[in-house]
C-alpha cells in the first residue's frame, strides 16, 4: 500500500490571467519533479479566455478577433491535450501538480479519478452527473458541465479540470466546445436554478479530491499528519496580457490526444 502523503492547496482566487497561472504551474511542476514540494492543487477562476489544446482545430474558434476584443475574451494556445474550451468568471478551475508515480496512477486512471472527484462533488448538490463515451469529462444528461485537459511530463501533471458553477455560458457560443458540435454545455447554477457559493464548491472539491486520490490526515493545517496545508493569498502576478485580438497563428500544432498527452 502507498504511504499517504500530504497535499498543498493553493487558492489563487478569481480574475486570474491565464498566462500567469500557466507560468505558476510550470514553476511548481519543476519543483515537484525535483521533489522540493509535495503534490499541489491550484484552485482559481480565470479572466475570460478561449484556450486551444495541442490537438485543437482552429476552425472551432467561431468568434472573430474584433468580437473577442469587444467582449474582453483572450485567446491562448496551451500545452494540454484536447480541443478548444472556455475559462471565465464563475468557473472553478483546478490544476493538480501531482507525481503520478507516487500515487501509483497511469494517465487514464488519473483522468478517471478527476472525473470521479467532480461527479461526487456534484452529487453533494443533488445533481446526478456522469461520463459520456464521446468525450472525457463530466456530463449532466447531454450537456457537459466539466472539461478535462491535461499534460504529463516526467510523471508530473499539469493543467486539469474546469467545472462550470456560475459560468457565463453565453461565451461558449464563440467556440465549438471540445470540438463537439452536437453537445451542449451547462453549469451547476443552471441545473439548480440558482447561484452557488464558490467557496462551498471549493471545499467540496478538495474534500472529494483527497478521498479519491488517497491523501491522508485531517482538515487541520497544524497537524503534521494533516492532509493538506492551505496556502492563502497565492494569486500569481500577472504577466503582460496577451492581445485578445491576436490571430490564431502559433496555436495548436495538431499533436496530442483528446484527453491529454505526456512527454
Protein backbone atom coordinates (compact mmCIF):
# COMPACT_ATOMS: atom_id res chain seq x y z
CA UNK A 1 0.00 0.00 0.00
CA UNK A 2 1.21 3.51 -0.83
CA UNK A 3 2.17 5.68 2.12
CA UNK A 4 -0.32 8.53 2.42
CA UNK A 5 1.21 11.89 1.62
CA UNK A 6 0.14 15.48 2.26
CA UNK A 7 -1.04 17.79 -0.49
CA UNK A 8 -0.85 21.57 -0.67
CA UNK A 9 -3.96 23.53 -1.63
CA UNK A 10 -3.27 26.91 -3.19
CA UNK A 11 -6.40 29.02 -3.54
CA UNK A 12 -5.47 31.63 -6.14
CA UNK A 13 -8.83 33.41 -6.04
CA UNK A 14 -10.63 34.96 -9.01
CA UNK A 15 -9.75 37.10 -12.05
CA UNK A 16 -6.51 35.18 -12.66
CA UNK A 17 -4.86 35.86 -16.01
CA UNK A 18 -4.30 32.64 -17.94
CA UNK A 19 -0.63 33.24 -18.70
CA UNK A 20 0.12 33.91 -15.03
CA UNK A 21 -1.46 30.63 -13.99
CA UNK A 22 0.42 28.76 -16.72
CA UNK A 23 3.72 30.22 -15.53
CA UNK A 24 2.96 29.26 -11.93
CA UNK A 25 2.15 25.70 -13.00
CA UNK A 26 5.48 25.40 -14.81
CA UNK A 27 7.30 26.66 -11.72
CA UNK A 28 5.51 24.19 -9.45
CA UNK A 29 6.00 21.39 -11.97
CA UNK A 30 9.76 21.90 -11.95
CA UNK A 31 9.80 21.90 -8.16
CA UNK A 32 7.65 18.76 -7.97
CA UNK A 33 9.92 16.94 -10.43
CA UNK A 34 12.87 17.82 -8.18
CA UNK A 35 10.95 16.67 -5.10
CA UNK A 36 11.23 20.02 -3.32
CA UNK A 37 7.45 20.42 -2.89
CA UNK A 38 4.63 17.94 -2.25
CA UNK A 39 1.74 17.33 -4.60
CA UNK A 40 -0.18 20.58 -5.05
CA UNK A 41 -3.67 21.56 -6.18
CA UNK A 42 -4.36 25.06 -7.52
CA UNK A 43 -7.97 26.28 -7.43
CA UNK A 44 -8.95 29.51 -9.17
CA UNK A 45 -11.20 31.41 -11.55
CA UNK A 46 -9.79 32.83 -14.79
CA UNK A 47 -10.45 36.02 -16.66
CA UNK A 48 -12.46 35.23 -19.82
CA UNK A 49 -10.28 33.30 -22.29
CA UNK A 50 -10.52 30.69 -25.02
CA UNK A 51 -7.70 28.14 -24.84
CA UNK A 52 -6.55 25.78 -27.56
CA UNK A 53 -5.18 22.34 -26.77
CA UNK A 54 -2.42 20.76 -28.80
CA UNK A 55 -4.91 18.86 -30.93
CA UNK A 56 -7.28 21.82 -31.37
CA UNK A 57 -8.87 22.72 -34.70
CA UNK A 58 -8.62 26.50 -35.13
CA UNK A 59 -11.93 26.42 -37.03
CA UNK A 60 -13.59 25.63 -33.71
CA UNK A 61 -12.99 29.24 -32.63
CA UNK A 62 -16.08 30.85 -34.16
CA UNK A 63 -15.79 34.36 -32.71
CA UNK A 64 -13.55 36.68 -34.70
CA UNK A 65 -10.79 38.80 -33.20
CA UNK A 66 -12.83 42.03 -33.27
CA UNK A 67 -15.70 40.50 -31.32
CA UNK A 68 -13.34 38.80 -28.88
CA UNK A 69 -11.71 42.14 -28.17
CA UNK A 70 -15.10 43.82 -27.72
CA UNK A 71 -16.17 41.16 -25.24
CA UNK A 72 -12.82 41.06 -23.45
CA UNK A 73 -12.13 37.39 -24.17
CA UNK A 74 -8.49 36.39 -24.58
CA UNK A 75 -7.05 33.60 -26.71
CA UNK A 76 -4.16 31.33 -25.69
CA UNK A 77 -2.54 28.24 -27.18
CA UNK A 78 -1.70 25.74 -24.45
CA UNK A 79 0.35 22.60 -23.89
CA UNK A 80 -2.60 20.49 -22.70
CA UNK A 81 -4.37 17.85 -24.73
CA UNK A 82 -7.78 18.37 -26.23
CA UNK A 83 -9.52 20.92 -28.42
CA UNK A 84 -10.89 24.39 -27.68
CA UNK A 85 -12.50 25.36 -24.40
CA UNK A 86 -13.52 28.44 -22.42
CA UNK A 87 -12.49 29.69 -18.98
CA UNK A 88 -14.02 32.63 -17.17
CA UNK A 89 -15.62 34.02 -14.02
CA UNK A 90 -17.87 31.63 -12.17
CA UNK A 91 -16.00 28.56 -13.41
CA UNK A 92 -13.87 26.63 -10.93
CA UNK A 93 -10.56 25.61 -12.50
CA UNK A 94 -8.33 23.07 -10.82
CA UNK A 95 -4.69 22.48 -11.74
CA UNK A 96 -3.28 19.44 -9.91
CA UNK A 97 0.52 19.20 -9.93
CA UNK A 98 0.88 15.56 -8.89
CA UNK A 99 3.57 12.93 -9.22
CA UNK A 100 1.63 10.07 -10.78
CA UNK A 101 4.29 7.52 -9.91
CA UNK A 102 3.98 8.49 -6.27
CA UNK A 103 0.23 7.86 -6.42
CA UNK A 104 0.58 4.63 -8.40
CA UNK A 105 -1.51 6.04 -11.25
CA UNK A 106 -1.38 5.85 -15.01
CA UNK A 107 -2.74 8.64 -17.20
CA UNK A 108 -6.16 7.11 -17.86
CA UNK A 109 -6.65 6.22 -14.20
CA UNK A 110 -5.70 9.80 -13.29
CA UNK A 111 -8.29 11.28 -15.64
CA UNK A 112 -10.92 8.86 -14.33
CA UNK A 113 -10.10 9.92 -10.76
CA UNK A 114 -10.59 13.60 -11.65
CA UNK A 115 -13.97 12.74 -13.17
CA UNK A 116 -14.91 10.81 -10.05
CA UNK A 117 -13.94 13.76 -7.85
CA UNK A 118 -16.25 16.09 -9.78
CA UNK A 119 -19.09 13.56 -10.01
CA UNK A 120 -19.03 13.17 -6.22
CA UNK A 121 -18.90 16.94 -5.77
CA UNK A 122 -21.98 17.46 -7.93
CA UNK A 123 -23.81 14.62 -6.15
CA UNK A 124 -23.41 16.60 -2.94
CA UNK A 125 -25.53 19.33 -4.54
CA UNK A 126 -28.17 16.81 -5.60
CA UNK A 127 -27.02 16.63 -9.22
CA UNK A 128 -26.69 13.24 -10.93
CA UNK A 129 -23.67 13.60 -13.22
CA UNK A 130 -21.71 11.00 -15.13
CA UNK A 131 -19.39 10.20 -18.01
CA UNK A 132 -20.02 10.13 -21.75
CA UNK A 133 -18.20 7.88 -24.24
CA UNK A 134 -17.92 10.74 -26.74
CA UNK A 135 -15.50 12.75 -24.66
CA UNK A 136 -13.74 12.66 -21.30
CA UNK A 137 -15.15 15.00 -18.68
CA UNK A 138 -18.34 15.16 -16.64
CA UNK A 139 -21.84 15.40 -18.08
CA UNK A 140 -25.38 16.12 -16.91
CA UNK A 141 -27.59 14.46 -19.47
CA UNK A 142 -26.45 15.62 -22.91
CA UNK A 143 -24.73 18.73 -21.54
CA UNK A 144 -21.10 18.93 -20.47
CA UNK A 145 -20.57 20.53 -17.08
CA UNK A 146 -16.84 19.90 -16.62
CA UNK A 147 -13.97 19.66 -19.10
CA UNK A 148 -10.63 17.93 -18.54
CA UNK A 149 -7.40 18.56 -20.41
CA UNK A 150 -4.00 17.56 -19.09
CA UNK A 151 -0.33 17.21 -19.80
CA UNK A 152 2.05 14.80 -18.07
CA UNK A 153 5.80 15.38 -18.20
CA UNK A 154 8.36 13.36 -16.20
CA UNK A 155 5.44 11.72 -14.38
CA UNK A 156 4.17 15.06 -13.05
CA UNK A 157 0.84 16.54 -14.17
CA UNK A 158 -0.08 19.99 -15.44
CA UNK A 159 -3.38 21.60 -16.46
CA UNK A 160 -6.51 19.86 -15.15
CA UNK A 161 -10.25 20.49 -14.99
CA UNK A 162 -12.81 23.24 -15.41
CA UNK A 163 -16.14 22.89 -13.59
CA UNK A 164 -18.95 25.27 -14.54
CA UNK A 165 -20.54 26.72 -11.42
CA UNK A 166 -21.92 30.22 -12.11
CA UNK A 167 -20.28 30.45 -15.53
CA UNK A 168 -21.37 32.92 -18.21
CA UNK A 169 -22.48 30.22 -20.62
CA UNK A 170 -23.17 32.66 -23.44
CA UNK A 171 -19.40 32.90 -24.00
CA UNK A 172 -19.40 29.28 -25.19
CA UNK A 173 -21.20 30.45 -28.33
CA UNK A 174 -17.88 31.75 -29.61
CA UNK A 175 -16.39 28.24 -29.89
CA UNK A 176 -17.24 24.62 -30.60
CA UNK A 177 -16.52 23.40 -27.05
CA UNK A 178 -14.16 20.42 -27.05
CA UNK A 179 -14.88 20.06 -30.77
CA UNK A 180 -18.35 18.63 -30.04
CA UNK A 181 -20.86 20.38 -32.27
CA UNK A 182 -23.86 18.28 -31.20
CA UNK A 183 -23.47 18.54 -27.41
CA UNK A 184 -24.44 21.34 -25.07
CA UNK A 185 -22.82 22.91 -22.03
CA UNK A 186 -24.35 23.65 -18.68
CA UNK A 187 -23.46 24.88 -15.19
CA UNK A 188 -24.35 23.97 -11.64
CA UNK A 189 -26.28 27.24 -11.31
CA UNK A 190 -28.33 26.45 -14.40
CA UNK A 191 -29.12 22.92 -13.23
CA UNK A 192 -30.12 24.10 -9.76
CA UNK A 193 -31.84 27.29 -10.91
CA UNK A 194 -29.86 29.47 -8.50
CA UNK A 195 -26.34 30.85 -7.95
CA UNK A 196 -23.95 28.69 -5.94
CA UNK A 197 -21.37 29.81 -3.38
CA UNK A 198 -17.95 29.20 -4.94
CA UNK A 199 -16.30 28.78 -1.55
CA UNK A 200 -18.63 25.91 -0.72
CA UNK A 201 -17.81 24.24 -4.03
CA UNK A 202 -14.05 24.62 -3.46
CA UNK A 203 -14.33 22.97 -0.07
CA UNK A 204 -16.33 20.08 -1.53
CA UNK A 205 -13.99 19.59 -4.48
CA UNK A 206 -10.92 19.49 -2.24
CA UNK A 207 -12.55 17.09 0.21
CA UNK A 208 -13.51 14.65 -2.55
CA UNK A 209 -10.15 15.10 -4.27
CA UNK A 210 -8.39 13.93 -1.11
CA UNK A 211 -10.73 10.96 -0.74
CA UNK A 212 -10.49 9.81 -4.35
CA UNK A 213 -6.71 10.21 -4.63
CA UNK A 214 -5.98 8.82 -1.17
CA UNK A 215 -4.36 11.75 0.62
CA UNK A 216 -4.18 11.33 4.38
CA UNK A 217 -4.93 13.16 7.58
CA UNK A 218 -7.37 15.69 8.91
CA UNK A 219 -8.65 19.05 7.71
CA UNK A 220 -6.35 20.92 10.07
CA UNK A 221 -3.33 22.83 8.89
CA UNK A 222 -1.19 22.47 12.03
CA UNK A 223 -1.19 18.68 12.39
CA UNK A 224 1.95 17.12 10.92
CA UNK A 225 -0.29 14.34 9.59
CA UNK A 226 -2.75 16.77 8.04
CA UNK A 227 -3.83 16.02 4.50
CA UNK A 228 -3.11 19.50 3.27
CA UNK A 229 -1.63 22.84 4.09
CA UNK A 230 -3.82 25.70 2.93
CA UNK A 231 -1.69 28.38 1.31
CA UNK A 232 -3.61 31.63 1.16
CA UNK A 233 -3.04 34.73 -0.97
CA UNK A 234 -1.35 32.71 -3.68
CA UNK A 235 -2.66 34.60 -6.70
CA UNK A 236 0.17 34.64 -9.26
CA UNK A 237 1.43 38.01 -10.56
CA UNK A 238 0.08 38.99 -13.94
CA UNK A 239 2.49 38.86 -16.89
CA UNK A 240 1.89 41.24 -19.80
CA UNK A 241 -1.59 40.36 -21.04
CA UNK A 242 -1.93 38.65 -24.38
CA UNK A 243 -3.78 40.61 -27.05
CA UNK A 244 -7.35 39.23 -27.17
CA UNK A 245 -7.44 40.20 -30.85
CA UNK A 246 -4.37 38.13 -31.70
CA UNK A 247 -4.70 35.79 -34.68
CA UNK A 248 -4.71 32.04 -34.28
CA UNK A 249 -1.23 31.55 -35.72
CA UNK A 250 1.11 29.82 -33.30
CA UNK A 251 -1.73 27.82 -31.76
CA UNK A 252 -2.28 24.10 -31.57
CA UNK A 253 0.12 22.03 -33.61
CA UNK A 254 -2.20 19.09 -34.11
CA UNK A 255 -0.36 16.65 -31.89
CA UNK A 256 -1.64 15.07 -28.72
CA UNK A 257 -4.83 13.31 -27.72
CA UNK A 258 -8.32 14.36 -26.78
CA UNK A 259 -7.82 13.93 -23.06
CA UNK A 260 -4.14 14.61 -22.64
CA UNK A 261 -0.59 13.83 -23.64
CA UNK A 262 2.70 13.17 -21.95
CA UNK A 263 6.40 13.50 -22.72
